[in-house]
PDB file of N, CA and C in Angstrom:
ATOM      1  N   MET A   1     148.818  29.918 144.794  1.00  0.00           N
ATOM      2  CA  MET A   1     150.159  29.383 144.772  1.00  0.00           C
ATOM      3  C   MET A   1     151.099  30.453 144.209  1.00  0.00           C
ATOM      4  N   LEU A   2     152.265  30.545 144.767  1.00  0.00           N
ATOM      5  CA  LEU A   2     153.288  31.482 144.328  1.00  0.00           C
ATOM      6  C   LEU A   2     154.197  30.780 143.329  1.00  0.00           C
ATOM      7  N   GLN A   3     154.312  31.364 142.130  1.00  0.00           N
ATOM      8  CA  GLN A   3     155.159  30.771 141.102  1.00  0.00           C
ATOM      9  C   GLN A   3     156.226  31.771 140.676  1.00  0.00           C
ATOM     10  N   LEU A   4     157.421  31.264 140.461  1.00  0.00           N
ATOM     11  CA  LEU A   4     158.512  32.078 139.937  1.00  0.00           C
ATOM     12  C   LEU A   4     158.606  31.815 138.444  1.00  0.00           C
ATOM     13  N   THR A   5     158.257  32.810 137.643  1.00  0.00           N
ATOM     14  CA  THR A   5     158.324  32.662 136.196  1.00  0.00           C
ATOM     15  C   THR A   5     159.405  33.583 135.650  1.00  0.00           C
ATOM     16  N   ALA A   6     159.719  33.417 134.387  1.00  0.00           N
ATOM     17  CA  ALA A   6     160.754  34.241 133.755  1.00  0.00           C
ATOM     18  C   ALA A   6     160.367  35.714 133.751  1.00  0.00           C
ATOM     19  N   HIS A   7     159.103  36.028 133.891  1.00  0.00           N
ATOM     20  CA  HIS A   7     158.651  37.419 133.869  1.00  0.00           C
ATOM     21  C   HIS A   7     158.782  38.100 135.224  1.00  0.00           C
ATOM     22  N   CYS A   8     159.092  37.345 136.264  1.00  0.00           N
ATOM     23  CA  CYS A   8     159.201  37.915 137.609  1.00  0.00           C
ATOM     24  C   CYS A   8     160.442  38.797 137.711  1.00  0.00           C
ATOM     25  N   LYS A   9     160.241  39.969 138.285  1.00  0.00           N
ATOM     26  CA  LYS A   9     161.370  40.823 138.620  1.00  0.00           C
ATOM     27  C   LYS A   9     161.755  40.484 140.055  1.00  0.00           C
ATOM     28  N   VAL A  10     163.029  40.137 140.276  1.00  0.00           N
ATOM     29  CA  VAL A  10     163.502  39.707 141.589  1.00  0.00           C
ATOM     30  C   VAL A  10     164.588  40.662 142.059  1.00  0.00           C
ATOM     31  N   LEU A  11     164.429  41.187 143.271  1.00  0.00           N
ATOM     32  CA  LEU A  11     165.435  42.060 143.866  1.00  0.00           C
ATOM     33  C   LEU A  11     165.842  41.519 145.231  1.00  0.00           C
ATOM     34  N   LEU A  12     167.140  41.349 145.440  1.00  0.00           N
ATOM     35  CA  LEU A  12     167.669  40.943 146.732  1.00  0.00           C
ATOM     36  C   LEU A  12     168.090  42.180 147.501  1.00  0.00           C
ATOM     37  N   ALA A  13     167.699  42.270 148.748  1.00  0.00           N
ATOM     38  CA  ALA A  13     168.193  43.330 149.623  1.00  0.00           C
ATOM     39  C   ALA A  13     169.614  42.932 150.026  1.00  0.00           C
ATOM     40  N   THR A  14     170.584  43.802 149.790  1.00  0.00           N
ATOM     41  CA  THR A  14     171.976  43.417 150.012  1.00  0.00           C
ATOM     42  C   THR A  14     172.363  43.393 151.484  1.00  0.00           C
ATOM     43  N   GLU A  15     171.650  44.133 152.319  1.00  0.00           N
ATOM     44  CA  GLU A  15     171.976  44.154 153.747  1.00  0.00           C
ATOM     45  C   GLU A  15     170.983  43.291 154.526  1.00  0.00           C
ATOM     46  N   PRO A  16     171.437  42.705 155.645  1.00  0.00           N
ATOM     47  CA  PRO A  16     170.529  41.871 156.442  1.00  0.00           C
ATOM     48  C   PRO A  16     169.389  42.687 157.044  1.00  0.00           C
ATOM     49  N   VAL A  17     168.303  41.976 157.362  1.00  0.00           N
ATOM     50  CA  VAL A  17     167.074  42.597 157.859  1.00  0.00           C
ATOM     51  C   VAL A  17     166.703  41.951 159.189  1.00  0.00           C
ATOM     52  N   ASP A  18     166.079  42.722 160.058  1.00  0.00           N
ATOM     53  CA  ASP A  18     165.537  42.214 161.312  1.00  0.00           C
ATOM     54  C   ASP A  18     164.332  41.333 160.983  1.00  0.00           C
ATOM     55  N   PHE A  19     164.417  40.041 161.256  1.00  0.00           N
ATOM     56  CA  PHE A  19     163.365  39.107 160.874  1.00  0.00           C
ATOM     57  C   PHE A  19     162.146  39.145 161.787  1.00  0.00           C
ATOM     58  N   ARG A  20     162.114  40.057 162.734  1.00  0.00           N
ATOM     59  CA  ARG A  20     160.889  40.258 163.493  1.00  0.00           C
ATOM     60  C   ARG A  20     159.867  41.021 162.662  1.00  0.00           C
ATOM     61  N   LYS A  21     160.336  41.628 161.551  1.00  0.00           N
ATOM     62  CA  LYS A  21     159.435  42.374 160.665  1.00  0.00           C
ATOM     63  C   LYS A  21     158.512  41.409 159.932  1.00  0.00           C
ATOM     64  N   GLY A  22     157.281  41.814 159.800  1.00  0.00           N
ATOM     65  CA  GLY A  22     156.301  41.046 159.038  1.00  0.00           C
ATOM     66  C   GLY A  22     156.062  41.699 157.688  1.00  0.00           C
ATOM     67  N   MET A  23     154.897  41.452 157.128  1.00  0.00           N
ATOM     68  CA  MET A  23     154.565  41.991 155.801  1.00  0.00           C
ATOM     69  C   MET A  23     154.637  43.512 155.757  1.00  0.00           C
ATOM     70  N   ASP A  24     153.996  44.157 156.722  1.00  0.00           N
ATOM     71  CA  ASP A  24     153.944  45.617 156.708  1.00  0.00           C
ATOM     72  C   ASP A  24     155.326  46.232 156.919  1.00  0.00           C
ATOM     73  N   GLY A  25     156.106  45.663 157.819  1.00  0.00           N
ATOM     74  CA  GLY A  25     157.446  46.177 158.076  1.00  0.00           C
ATOM     75  C   GLY A  25     158.364  46.016 156.878  1.00  0.00           C
ATOM     76  N   LEU A  26     158.284  44.875 156.206  1.00  0.00           N
ATOM     77  CA  LEU A  26     159.115  44.650 155.022  1.00  0.00           C
ATOM     78  C   LEU A  26     158.643  45.513 153.848  1.00  0.00           C
ATOM     79  N   ALA A  27     157.326  45.708 153.725  1.00  0.00           N
ATOM     80  CA  ALA A  27     156.812  46.587 152.664  1.00  0.00           C
ATOM     81  C   ALA A  27     157.287  48.023 152.889  1.00  0.00           C
ATOM     82  N   ALA A  28     157.297  48.469 154.132  1.00  0.00           N
ATOM     83  CA  ALA A  28     157.807  49.812 154.447  1.00  0.00           C
ATOM     84  C   ALA A  28     159.295  49.906 154.138  1.00  0.00           C
ATOM     85  N   LEU A  29     160.029  48.847 154.436  1.00  0.00           N
ATOM     86  CA  LEU A  29     161.461  48.813 154.134  1.00  0.00           C
ATOM     87  C   LEU A  29     161.699  48.897 152.621  1.00  0.00           C
ATOM     88  N   CYS A  30     160.851  48.234 151.845  1.00  0.00           N
ATOM     89  CA  CYS A  30     160.954  48.311 150.381  1.00  0.00           C
ATOM     90  C   CYS A  30     160.805  49.755 149.912  1.00  0.00           C
ATOM     91  N   ARG A  31     159.837  50.458 150.484  1.00  0.00           N
ATOM     92  CA  ARG A  31     159.594  51.844 150.073  1.00  0.00           C
ATOM     93  C   ARG A  31     160.716  52.773 150.525  1.00  0.00           C
ATOM     94  N   GLN A  32     161.142  52.636 151.780  1.00  0.00           N
ATOM     95  CA  GLN A  32     162.072  53.600 152.372  1.00  0.00           C
ATOM     96  C   GLN A  32     163.533  53.348 152.010  1.00  0.00           C
ATOM     97  N   ARG A  33     164.008  52.124 152.186  1.00  0.00           N
ATOM     98  CA  ARG A  33     165.438  51.853 151.967  1.00  0.00           C
ATOM     99  C   ARG A  33     165.750  51.328 150.574  1.00  0.00           C
ATOM    100  N   LEU A  34     164.830  50.548 150.002  1.00  0.00           N
ATOM    101  CA  LEU A  34     165.090  49.986 148.679  1.00  0.00           C
ATOM    102  C   LEU A  34     164.539  50.877 147.567  1.00  0.00           C
ATOM    103  N   LEU A  35     163.779  51.906 147.960  1.00  0.00           N
ATOM    104  CA  LEU A  35     163.203  52.872 147.012  1.00  0.00           C
ATOM    105  C   LEU A  35     162.403  52.181 145.903  1.00  0.00           C
ATOM    106  N   SER A  36     161.605  51.194 146.306  1.00  0.00           N
ATOM    107  CA  SER A  36     160.787  50.427 145.368  1.00  0.00           C
ATOM    108  C   SER A  36     159.369  50.317 145.911  1.00  0.00           C
ATOM    109  N   ASN A  37     158.420  50.250 145.005  1.00  0.00           N
ATOM    110  CA  ASN A  37     157.030  50.067 145.393  1.00  0.00           C
ATOM    111  C   ASN A  37     156.766  48.571 145.557  1.00  0.00           C
ATOM    112  N   PRO A  38     156.430  48.109 146.760  1.00  0.00           N
ATOM    113  CA  PRO A  38     156.221  46.670 146.967  1.00  0.00           C
ATOM    114  C   PRO A  38     154.955  46.137 146.306  1.00  0.00           C
ATOM    115  N   MET A  39     154.097  47.006 145.784  1.00  0.00           N
ATOM    116  CA  MET A  39     152.837  46.557 145.190  1.00  0.00           C
ATOM    117  C   MET A  39     152.924  46.405 143.676  1.00  0.00           C
ATOM    118  N   THR A  40     154.130  46.335 143.126  1.00  0.00           N
ATOM    119  CA  THR A  40     154.296  46.195 141.675  1.00  0.00           C
ATOM    120  C   THR A  40     154.404  44.744 141.229  1.00  0.00           C
ATOM    121  N   GLY A  41     154.456  43.814 142.165  1.00  0.00           N
ATOM    122  CA  GLY A  41     154.623  42.413 141.803  1.00  0.00           C
ATOM    123  C   GLY A  41     156.070  41.956 141.840  1.00  0.00           C
ATOM    124  N   THR A  42     156.979  42.865 142.145  1.00  0.00           N
ATOM    125  CA  THR A  42     158.387  42.505 142.284  1.00  0.00           C
ATOM    126  C   THR A  42     158.539  41.524 143.437  1.00  0.00           C
ATOM    127  N   VAL A  43     159.436  40.556 143.289  1.00  0.00           N
ATOM    128  CA  VAL A  43     159.739  39.592 144.346  1.00  0.00           C
ATOM    129  C   VAL A  43     160.948  40.125 145.110  1.00  0.00           C
ATOM    130  N   PHE A  44     160.762  40.466 146.373  1.00  0.00           N
ATOM    131  CA  PHE A  44     161.830  40.995 147.214  1.00  0.00           C
ATOM    132  C   PHE A  44     162.345  39.873 148.116  1.00  0.00           C
ATOM    133  N   VAL A  45     163.661  39.724 148.167  1.00  0.00           N
ATOM    134  CA  VAL A  45     164.281  38.662 148.961  1.00  0.00           C
ATOM    135  C   VAL A  45     165.156  39.310 150.026  1.00  0.00           C
ATOM    136  N   PHE A  46     164.962  38.887 151.270  1.00  0.00           N
ATOM    137  CA  PHE A  46     165.712  39.414 152.407  1.00  0.00           C
ATOM    138  C   PHE A  46     166.388  38.258 153.134  1.00  0.00           C
ATOM    139  N   ARG A  47     167.501  38.541 153.810  1.00  0.00           N
ATOM    140  CA  ARG A  47     168.152  37.527 154.648  1.00  0.00           C
ATOM    141  C   ARG A  47     168.394  38.099 156.029  1.00  0.00           C
ATOM    142  N   ASN A  48     168.577  37.204 156.991  1.00  0.00           N
ATOM    143  CA  ASN A  48     168.876  37.638 158.348  1.00  0.00           C
ATOM    144  C   ASN A  48     170.391  37.745 158.543  1.00  0.00           C
ATOM    145  N   LYS A  49     170.807  38.262 159.697  1.00  0.00           N
ATOM    146  CA  LYS A  49     172.240  38.457 159.964  1.00  0.00           C
ATOM    147  C   LYS A  49     173.002  37.144 160.019  1.00  0.00           C
ATOM    148  N   ARG A  50     172.383  36.096 160.547  1.00  0.00           N
ATOM    149  CA  ARG A  50     173.085  34.809 160.678  1.00  0.00           C
ATOM    150  C   ARG A  50     173.207  34.059 159.361  1.00  0.00           C
ATOM    151  N   ARG A  51     172.546  34.542 158.323  1.00  0.00           N
ATOM    152  CA  ARG A  51     172.578  33.945 156.989  1.00  0.00           C
ATOM    153  C   ARG A  51     171.990  32.535 156.948  1.00  0.00           C
ATOM    154  N   ASP A  52     171.072  32.242 157.857  1.00  0.00           N
ATOM    155  CA  ASP A  52     170.458  30.913 157.842  1.00  0.00           C
ATOM    156  C   ASP A  52     168.975  30.949 157.473  1.00  0.00           C
ATOM    157  N   ALA A  53     168.473  32.148 157.105  1.00  0.00           N
ATOM    158  CA  ALA A  53     167.059  32.257 156.757  1.00  0.00           C
ATOM    159  C   ALA A  53     166.855  33.346 155.703  1.00  0.00           C
ATOM    160  N   LEU A  54     165.831  33.136 154.887  1.00  0.00           N
ATOM    161  CA  LEU A  54     165.421  34.101 153.876  1.00  0.00           C
ATOM    162  C   LEU A  54     163.932  34.389 154.053  1.00  0.00           C
ATOM    163  N   LYS A  55     163.538  35.617 153.701  1.00  0.00           N
ATOM    164  CA  LYS A  55     162.127  35.967 153.612  1.00  0.00           C
ATOM    165  C   LYS A  55     161.898  36.531 152.221  1.00  0.00           C
ATOM    166  N   ILE A  56     160.795  36.127 151.617  1.00  0.00           N
ATOM    167  CA  ILE A  56     160.418  36.593 150.285  1.00  0.00           C
ATOM    168  C   ILE A  56     159.078  37.296 150.412  1.00  0.00           C
ATOM    169  N   LEU A  57     159.025  38.531 149.904  1.00  0.00           N
ATOM    170  CA  LEU A  57     157.805  39.328 149.933  1.00  0.00           C
ATOM    171  C   LEU A  57     157.419  39.669 148.498  1.00  0.00           C
ATOM    172  N   THR A  58     156.157  39.449 148.162  1.00  0.00           N
ATOM    173  CA  THR A  58     155.655  39.848 146.842  1.00  0.00           C
ATOM    174  C   THR A  58     154.164  40.143 146.940  1.00  0.00           C
ATOM    175  N   TYR A  59     153.676  40.898 145.986  1.00  0.00           N
ATOM    176  CA  TYR A  59     152.268  41.265 145.919  1.00  0.00           C
ATOM    177  C   TYR A  59     151.665  40.653 144.662  1.00  0.00           C
ATOM    178  N   ASP A  60     150.522  39.976 144.789  1.00  0.00           N
ATOM    179  CA  ASP A  60     149.936  39.285 143.631  1.00  0.00           C
ATOM    180  C   ASP A  60     148.723  39.976 143.025  1.00  0.00           C
ATOM    181  N   GLY A  61     148.446  41.196 143.425  1.00  0.00           N
ATOM    182  CA  GLY A  61     147.291  41.923 142.913  1.00  0.00           C
ATOM    183  C   GLY A  61     146.127  41.930 143.880  1.00  0.00           C
ATOM    184  N   GLN A  62     146.091  40.971 144.796  1.00  0.00           N
ATOM    185  CA  GLN A  62     145.041  40.906 145.809  1.00  0.00           C
ATOM    186  C   GLN A  62     145.592  41.112 147.208  1.00  0.00           C
ATOM    187  N   GLY A  63     146.835  40.740 147.407  1.00  0.00           N
ATOM    188  CA  GLY A  63     147.432  40.841 148.735  1.00  0.00           C
ATOM    189  C   GLY A  63     148.892  40.425 148.693  1.00  0.00           C
ATOM    190  N   PHE A  64     149.533  40.543 149.833  1.00  0.00           N
ATOM    191  CA  PHE A  64     150.947  40.203 149.940  1.00  0.00           C
ATOM    192  C   PHE A  64     151.134  38.729 150.271  1.00  0.00           C
ATOM    193  N   TRP A  65     152.217  38.169 149.751  1.00  0.00           N
ATOM    194  CA  TRP A  65     152.713  36.850 150.122  1.00  0.00           C
ATOM    195  C   TRP A  65     153.989  37.075 150.918  1.00  0.00           C
ATOM    196  N   LEU A  66     154.142  36.362 152.014  1.00  0.00           N
ATOM    197  CA  LEU A  66     155.391  36.386 152.779  1.00  0.00           C
ATOM    198  C   LEU A  66     155.804  34.943 153.007  1.00  0.00           C
ATOM    199  N   CYS A  67     156.924  34.574 152.416  1.00  0.00           N
ATOM    200  CA  CYS A  67     157.427  33.204 152.525  1.00  0.00           C
ATOM    201  C   CYS A  67     158.740  33.233 153.291  1.00  0.00           C
ATOM    202  N   THR A  68     158.984  32.219 154.089  1.00  0.00           N
ATOM    203  CA  THR A  68     160.211  32.115 154.866  1.00  0.00           C
ATOM    204  C   THR A  68     160.868  30.773 154.591  1.00  0.00           C
ATOM    205  N   LYS A  69     162.181  30.800 154.436  1.00  0.00           N
ATOM    206  CA  LYS A  69     162.954  29.557 154.364  1.00  0.00           C
ATOM    207  C   LYS A  69     164.067  29.665 155.381  1.00  0.00           C
ATOM    208  N   ARG A  70     164.124  28.692 156.290  1.00  0.00           N
ATOM    209  CA  ARG A  70     165.200  28.635 157.276  1.00  0.00           C
ATOM    210  C   ARG A  70     165.915  27.309 157.106  1.00  0.00           C
ATOM    211  N   LEU A  71     167.230  27.381 156.971  1.00  0.00           N
ATOM    212  CA  LEU A  71     168.017  26.159 156.829  1.00  0.00           C
ATOM    213  C   LEU A  71     168.084  25.424 158.158  1.00  0.00           C
ATOM    214  N   SER A  72     167.966  24.115 158.125  1.00  0.00           N
ATOM    215  CA  SER A  72     168.059  23.336 159.355  1.00  0.00           C
ATOM    216  C   SER A  72     169.503  23.217 159.822  1.00  0.00           C
ATOM    217  N   THR A  73     170.443  23.211 158.881  1.00  0.00           N
ATOM    218  CA  THR A  73     171.871  23.239 159.225  1.00  0.00           C
ATOM    219  C   THR A  73     172.591  24.119 158.215  1.00  0.00           C
ATOM    220  N   GLY A  74     173.648  24.746 158.641  1.00  0.00           N
ATOM    221  CA  GLY A  74     174.467  25.554 157.742  1.00  0.00           C
ATOM    222  C   GLY A  74     173.916  26.945 157.514  1.00  0.00           C
ATOM    223  N   ARG A  75     174.559  27.631 156.604  1.00  0.00           N
ATOM    224  CA  ARG A  75     174.212  29.005 156.276  1.00  0.00           C
ATOM    225  C   ARG A  75     174.162  29.167 154.755  1.00  0.00           C
ATOM    226  N   PHE A  76     173.459  30.195 154.292  1.00  0.00           N
ATOM    227  CA  PHE A  76     173.465  30.487 152.865  1.00  0.00           C
ATOM    228  C   PHE A  76     174.864  30.939 152.490  1.00  0.00           C
ATOM    229  N   LYS A  77     175.438  30.251 151.519  1.00  0.00           N
ATOM    230  CA  LYS A  77     176.843  30.477 151.158  1.00  0.00           C
ATOM    231  C   LYS A  77     177.030  31.741 150.330  1.00  0.00           C
ATOM    232  N   TRP A  78     176.077  32.050 149.469  1.00  0.00           N
ATOM    233  CA  TRP A  78     176.240  33.170 148.549  1.00  0.00           C
ATOM    234  C   TRP A  78     175.274  34.292 148.883  1.00  0.00           C
ATOM    235  N   TRP A  79     175.771  35.504 148.831  1.00  0.00           N
ATOM    236  CA  TRP A  79     174.948  36.704 148.887  1.00  0.00           C
ATOM    237  C   TRP A  79     175.750  37.807 148.231  1.00  0.00           C
ATOM    238  N   PRO A  80     175.119  38.692 147.472  1.00  0.00           N
ATOM    239  CA  PRO A  80     175.880  39.730 146.777  1.00  0.00           C
ATOM    240  C   PRO A  80     176.597  40.658 147.749  1.00  0.00           C
ATOM    241  N   GLN A  81     177.762  41.115 147.341  1.00  0.00           N
ATOM    242  CA  GLN A  81     178.539  42.046 148.145  1.00  0.00           C
ATOM    243  C   GLN A  81     177.856  43.408 148.162  1.00  0.00           C
ATOM    244  N   VAL A  82     177.929  44.066 149.301  1.00  0.00           N
ATOM    245  CA  VAL A  82     177.359  45.404 149.427  1.00  0.00           C
ATOM    246  C   VAL A  82     178.339  46.394 148.811  1.00  0.00           C
ATOM    247  N   ASN A  83     177.917  47.052 147.731  1.00  0.00           N
ATOM    248  CA  ASN A  83     178.773  48.040 147.083  1.00  0.00           C
ATOM    249  C   ASN A  83     177.957  49.299 146.808  1.00  0.00           C
ATOM    250  N   ASN A  84     177.442  49.878 147.892  1.00  0.00           N
ATOM    251  CA  ASN A  84     176.618  51.090 147.820  1.00  0.00           C
ATOM    252  C   ASN A  84     175.334  50.883 147.032  1.00  0.00           C
ATOM    253  N   GLN A  85     174.905  49.654 146.870  1.00  0.00           N
ATOM    254  CA  GLN A  85     173.644  49.338 146.211  1.00  0.00           C
ATOM    255  C   GLN A  85     172.729  48.679 147.248  1.00  0.00           C
ATOM    256  N   ALA A  86     171.506  49.142 147.344  1.00  0.00           N
ATOM    257  CA  ALA A  86     170.561  48.576 148.304  1.00  0.00           C
ATOM    258  C   ALA A  86     169.988  47.257 147.817  1.00  0.00           C
ATOM    259  N   THR A  87     169.981  47.059 146.485  1.00  0.00           N
ATOM    260  CA  THR A  87     169.409  45.835 145.933  1.00  0.00           C
ATOM    261  C   THR A  87     170.345  45.241 144.883  1.00  0.00           C
ATOM    262  N   HIS A  88     170.126  43.966 144.622  1.00  0.00           N
ATOM    263  CA  HIS A  88     170.853  43.243 143.586  1.00  0.00           C
ATOM    264  C   HIS A  88     169.814  42.475 142.765  1.00  0.00           C
ATOM    265  N   PRO A  89     169.721  42.725 141.454  1.00  0.00           N
ATOM    266  CA  PRO A  89     168.710  42.022 140.655  1.00  0.00           C
ATOM    267  C   PRO A  89     169.126  40.584 140.347  1.00  0.00           C
ATOM    268  N   LEU A  90     168.138  39.717 140.303  1.00  0.00           N
ATOM    269  CA  LEU A  90     168.325  38.317 139.901  1.00  0.00           C
ATOM    270  C   LEU A  90     167.227  37.970 138.906  1.00  0.00           C
ATOM    271  N   ILE A  91     167.456  36.920 138.139  1.00  0.00           N
ATOM    272  CA  ILE A  91     166.373  36.351 137.351  1.00  0.00           C
ATOM    273  C   ILE A  91     165.775  35.202 138.162  1.00  0.00           C
ATOM    274  N   ALA A  92     164.581  34.796 137.809  1.00  0.00           N
ATOM    275  CA  ALA A  92     163.860  33.790 138.596  1.00  0.00           C
ATOM    276  C   ALA A  92     164.649  32.490 138.721  1.00  0.00           C
ATOM    277  N   ARG A  93     165.344  32.080 137.661  1.00  0.00           N
ATOM    278  CA  ARG A  93     166.117  30.836 137.732  1.00  0.00           C
ATOM    279  C   ARG A  93     167.254  30.952 138.741  1.00  0.00           C
ATOM    280  N   GLU A  94     167.850  32.130 138.844  1.00  0.00           N
ATOM    281  CA  GLU A  94     168.918  32.328 139.832  1.00  0.00           C
ATOM    282  C   GLU A  94     168.365  32.282 141.250  1.00  0.00           C
ATOM    283  N   LEU A  95     167.149  32.809 141.445  1.00  0.00           N
ATOM    284  CA  LEU A  95     166.515  32.723 142.760  1.00  0.00           C
ATOM    285  C   LEU A  95     166.255  31.269 143.135  1.00  0.00           C
ATOM    286  N   SER A  96     165.850  30.460 142.189  1.00  0.00           N
ATOM    287  CA  SER A  96     165.639  29.034 142.466  1.00  0.00           C
ATOM    288  C   SER A  96     166.931  28.373 142.936  1.00  0.00           C
ATOM    289  N   VAL A  97     168.038  28.726 142.304  1.00  0.00           N
ATOM    290  CA  VAL A  97     169.347  28.189 142.717  1.00  0.00           C
ATOM    291  C   VAL A  97     169.665  28.650 144.140  1.00  0.00           C
ATOM    292  N   LEU A  98     169.446  29.937 144.423  1.00  0.00           N
ATOM    293  CA  LEU A  98     169.721  30.477 145.759  1.00  0.00           C
ATOM    294  C   LEU A  98     168.878  29.788 146.823  1.00  0.00           C
ATOM    295  N   LEU A  99     167.615  29.510 146.520  1.00  0.00           N
ATOM    296  CA  LEU A  99     166.746  28.857 147.501  1.00  0.00           C
ATOM    297  C   LEU A  99     167.217  27.448 147.861  1.00  0.00           C
ATOM    298  N   TRP A 100     167.984  26.829 146.978  1.00  0.00           N
ATOM    299  CA  TRP A 100     168.564  25.517 147.268  1.00  0.00           C
ATOM    300  C   TRP A 100     169.991  25.657 147.792  1.00  0.00           C
ATOM    301  N   ASN A 101     170.328  26.877 148.279  1.00  0.00           N
ATOM    302  CA  ASN A 101     171.631  27.190 148.878  1.00  0.00           C
ATOM    303  C   ASN A 101     172.773  27.033 147.877  1.00  0.00           C
ATOM    304  N   GLY A 102     172.504  27.357 146.640  1.00  0.00           N
ATOM    305  CA  GLY A 102     173.543  27.345 145.615  1.00  0.00           C
ATOM    306  C   GLY A 102     174.037  28.745 145.325  1.00  0.00           C
ATOM    307  N   ASN A 103     175.020  28.827 144.473  1.00  0.00           N
ATOM    308  CA  ASN A 103     175.587  30.101 144.058  1.00  0.00           C
ATOM    309  C   ASN A 103     175.091  30.412 142.648  1.00  0.00           C
ATOM    310  N   PRO A 104     174.181  31.382 142.510  1.00  0.00           N
ATOM    311  CA  PRO A 104     173.658  31.702 141.177  1.00  0.00           C
ATOM    312  C   PRO A 104     174.735  32.150 140.199  1.00  0.00           C
ATOM    313  N   ALA A 105     175.800  32.755 140.703  1.00  0.00           N
ATOM    314  CA  ALA A 105     176.874  33.233 139.824  1.00  0.00           C
ATOM    315  C   ALA A 105     177.658  32.074 139.221  1.00  0.00           C
ATOM    316  N   GLN A 106     177.659  30.927 139.877  1.00  0.00           N
ATOM    317  CA  GLN A 106     178.419  29.778 139.395  1.00  0.00           C
ATOM    318  C   GLN A 106     177.538  28.693 138.780  1.00  0.00           C
ATOM    319  N   ALA A 107     176.240  28.897 138.790  1.00  0.00           N
ATOM    320  CA  ALA A 107     175.325  27.886 138.237  1.00  0.00           C
ATOM    321  C   ALA A 107     175.439  27.849 136.721  1.00  0.00           C
ATOM    322  N   ALA A 108     175.423  26.669 136.171  1.00  0.00           N
ATOM    323  CA  ALA A 108     175.495  26.494 134.711  1.00  0.00           C
ATOM    324  C   ALA A 108     174.083  26.591 134.149  1.00  0.00           C
ATOM    325  N   LEU A 109     173.620  27.830 133.955  1.00  0.00           N
ATOM    326  CA  LEU A 109     172.280  28.062 133.438  1.00  0.00           C
ATOM    327  C   LEU A 109     172.358  28.358 131.950  1.00  0.00           C
ATOM    328  N   ALA A 110     171.378  27.913 131.221  1.00  0.00           N
ATOM    329  CA  ALA A 110     171.300  28.250 129.800  1.00  0.00           C
ATOM    330  C   ALA A 110     171.081  29.752 129.666  1.00  0.00           C
ATOM    331  N   PRO A 111     171.592  30.349 128.596  1.00  0.00           N
ATOM    332  CA  PRO A 111     171.385  31.795 128.430  1.00  0.00           C
ATOM    333  C   PRO A 111     169.914  32.124 128.250  1.00  0.00           C
ATOM    334  N   ASP A 112     169.532  33.321 128.695  1.00  0.00           N
ATOM    335  CA  ASP A 112     168.148  33.769 128.522  1.00  0.00           C
ATOM    336  C   ASP A 112     167.840  33.916 127.048  1.00  0.00           C
ATOM    337  N   TRP A 113     166.625  33.600 126.678  1.00  0.00           N
ATOM    338  CA  TRP A 113     166.232  33.733 125.287  1.00  0.00           C
ATOM    339  C   TRP A 113     165.840  35.161 124.957  1.00  0.00           C
ATOM    340  N   ARG A 114     165.666  35.994 125.971  1.00  0.00           N
ATOM    341  CA  ARG A 114     165.375  37.413 125.770  1.00  0.00           C
ATOM    342  C   ARG A 114     165.844  38.182 126.997  1.00  0.00           C
ATOM    343  N   LYS A 115     166.013  39.461 126.833  1.00  0.00           N
ATOM    344  CA  LYS A 115     166.410  40.317 127.933  1.00  0.00           C
ATOM    345  C   LYS A 115     165.204  40.579 128.825  1.00  0.00           C
ATOM    346  N   ILE A 116     165.433  40.590 130.127  1.00  0.00           N
ATOM    347  CA  ILE A 116     164.403  40.923 131.093  1.00  0.00           C
ATOM    348  C   ILE A 116     164.798  42.232 131.745  1.00  0.00           C
ATOM    349  N   ALA A 117     163.919  43.215 131.692  1.00  0.00           N
ATOM    350  CA  ALA A 117     164.216  44.519 132.289  1.00  0.00           C
ATOM    351  C   ALA A 117     164.210  44.405 133.797  1.00  0.00           C
ATOM    352  N   CYS A 118     165.246  44.907 134.429  1.00  0.00           N
ATOM    353  CA  CYS A 118     165.299  44.890 135.892  1.00  0.00           C
ATOM    354  C   CYS A 118     165.137  46.247 136.423  1.00  0.00           C
TER     355      CYS A 118
END
């Protein structure tokens, strides 16, 4: 089972991705464009151009997980603006808000009890 805990490092790819890519294609994209090692346990979040689907890629020590969420109606309302950054860090609680099509920047979340290195 895939769990999002406070210790998870979460990175959103700021630009849309071709969703025909599978695990290997997204892992290569992590290395080449996001300049990150996909085998570190980081949770990588990608979206498609239409903003109606997300893919999450992570490595659990034995293999890769690839999860997909596609909205049945509507589009994801929030996504970070592209400002010459390939990724945007989130905390796990903010990712949970995003997965329910919320805006993590506007969510009333309790402050973190400790700093998490991104």
